[in-house]
Amino acid sequence: MATPDEQRMGVSEARANLTEVIAKVRLLGQHVVLTRREKPQAVLVSYEFYERALNDRARLESLEK
């Protein structure tokens, strides 16, 4: 299910418009779900979002110990 800050896009379309896709991710905070044959393959997120996710994961792992 797509969220307001998420866009789905075919891998070929993303490749053809990579500069614009990166700008949407970096400047607008949009998440881009890359699809192939309508099936999700990967997600592009901003570096800040990625860093937060890594920090959250580390915190959760430390709580599990």
C-alpha atoms as a PDB file:
ATOM      1  CA  MET A   1       0.000   0.000   0.000  1.00  0.00           C
ATOM      2  CA  ALA A   2       1.406   3.395  -0.993  1.00  0.00           C
ATOM      3  CA  THR A   3       1.761   6.192   1.534  1.00  0.00           C
ATOM      4  CA  PRO A   4       1.564   9.923   0.711  1.00  0.00           C
ATOM      5  CA  ASP A   5       5.363  10.253   0.695  1.00  0.00           C
ATOM      6  CA  GLU A   6       5.828   7.177  -1.498  1.00  0.00           C
ATOM      7  CA  GLN A   7       5.889   6.815  -5.263  1.00  0.00           C
ATOM      8  CA  ARG A   8       6.060   3.593  -7.244  1.00  0.00           C
ATOM      9  CA  MET A   9       8.132   3.585 -10.382  1.00  0.00           C
ATOM     10  CA  GLY A  10       9.437   0.994 -12.794  1.00  0.00           C
ATOM     11  CA  VAL A  11      13.177   0.365 -12.734  1.00  0.00           C
ATOM     12  CA  SER A  12      13.513   1.395 -16.393  1.00  0.00           C
ATOM     13  CA  GLU A  13      11.652   4.657 -15.811  1.00  0.00           C
ATOM     14  CA  ALA A  14      13.793   5.428 -12.764  1.00  0.00           C
ATOM     15  CA  ARG A  15      16.959   4.721 -14.735  1.00  0.00           C
ATOM     16  CA  ALA A  16      15.849   7.073 -17.512  1.00  0.00           C
ATOM     17  CA  ASN A  17      15.071   9.862 -15.017  1.00  0.00           C
ATOM     18  CA  LEU A  18      17.618   9.158 -12.297  1.00  0.00           C
ATOM     19  CA  THR A  19      18.571  12.792 -11.637  1.00  0.00           C
ATOM     20  CA  GLU A  20      14.925  13.749 -11.084  1.00  0.00           C
ATOM     21  CA  VAL A  21      14.256  10.677  -8.958  1.00  0.00           C
ATOM     22  CA  ILE A  22      17.225  11.433  -6.717  1.00  0.00           C
ATOM     23  CA  ALA A  23      16.047  15.045  -6.347  1.00  0.00           C
ATOM     24  CA  LYS A  24      12.579  13.880  -5.234  1.00  0.00           C
ATOM     25  CA  VAL A  25      14.130  11.548  -2.685  1.00  0.00           C
ATOM     26  CA  ARG A  26      16.732  13.992  -1.393  1.00  0.00           C
ATOM     27  CA  LEU A  27      14.859  17.292  -1.482  1.00  0.00           C
ATOM     28  CA  LEU A  28      11.236  16.240  -0.962  1.00  0.00           C
ATOM     29  CA  GLY A  29      11.855  13.269   1.330  1.00  0.00           C
ATOM     30  CA  GLN A  30       9.853  11.044  -0.974  1.00  0.00           C
ATOM     31  CA  HIS A  31      10.365   7.277  -0.911  1.00  0.00           C
ATOM     32  CA  VAL A  32      10.516   5.668  -4.352  1.00  0.00           C
ATOM     33  CA  VAL A  33       9.574   2.009  -4.611  1.00  0.00           C
ATOM     34  CA  LEU A  34      11.265   0.542  -7.660  1.00  0.00           C
ATOM     35  CA  THR A  35       9.203  -2.130  -9.364  1.00  0.00           C
ATOM     36  CA  ARG A  36       9.700  -4.698 -12.058  1.00  0.00           C
ATOM     37  CA  ARG A  37       6.541  -6.146 -13.565  1.00  0.00           C
ATOM     38  CA  GLU A  38       4.525  -4.363 -10.856  1.00  0.00           C
ATOM     39  CA  LYS A  39       6.425  -6.200  -8.079  1.00  0.00           C
ATOM     40  CA  PRO A  40       8.481  -4.156  -5.591  1.00  0.00           C
ATOM     41  CA  GLN A  41      12.223  -4.732  -5.966  1.00  0.00           C
ATOM     42  CA  ALA A  42      13.917  -1.993  -3.918  1.00  0.00           C
ATOM     43  CA  VAL A  43      13.261   1.351  -2.243  1.00  0.00           C
ATOM     44  CA  LEU A  44      15.162   4.612  -2.638  1.00  0.00           C
ATOM     45  CA  VAL A  45      15.167   6.760   0.503  1.00  0.00           C
ATOM     46  CA  SER A  46      17.149   9.812   1.560  1.00  0.00           C
ATOM     47  CA  TYR A  47      20.465   9.279   3.291  1.00  0.00           C
ATOM     48  CA  GLU A  48      19.064  10.895   6.437  1.00  0.00           C
ATOM     49  CA  PHE A  49      16.197   8.384   6.506  1.00  0.00           C
ATOM     50  CA  TYR A  50      18.681   5.543   6.002  1.00  0.00           C
ATOM     51  CA  GLU A  51      20.865   6.770   8.882  1.00  0.00           C
ATOM     52  CA  ARG A  52      17.835   7.021  11.194  1.00  0.00           C
ATOM     53  CA  ALA A  53      16.786   3.494  10.252  1.00  0.00           C
ATOM     54  CA  LEU A  54      20.268   2.161  11.055  1.00  0.00           C
ATOM     55  CA  ASN A  55      20.263   3.972  14.415  1.00  0.00           C
ATOM     56  CA  ASP A  56      16.782   2.658  15.235  1.00  0.00           C
ATOM     57  CA  ARG A  57      17.869  -0.857  14.354  1.00  0.00           C
ATOM     58  CA  ALA A  58      20.952  -0.584  16.574  1.00  0.00           C
ATOM     59  CA  ARG A  59      18.810   0.659  19.475  1.00  0.00           C
ATOM     60  CA  LEU A  60      16.353  -2.214  19.061  1.00  0.00           C
ATOM     61  CA  GLU A  61      19.152  -4.757  18.936  1.00  0.00           C
ATOM     62  CA  SER A  62      20.669  -3.340  22.115  1.00  0.00           C
ATOM     63  CA  LEU A  63      17.291  -3.599  23.884  1.00  0.00           C
ATOM     64  CA  GLU A  64      16.981  -7.248  22.855  1.00  0.00           C
ATOM     65  CA  LYS A  65      20.219  -8.136  24.660  1.00  0.00           C
END
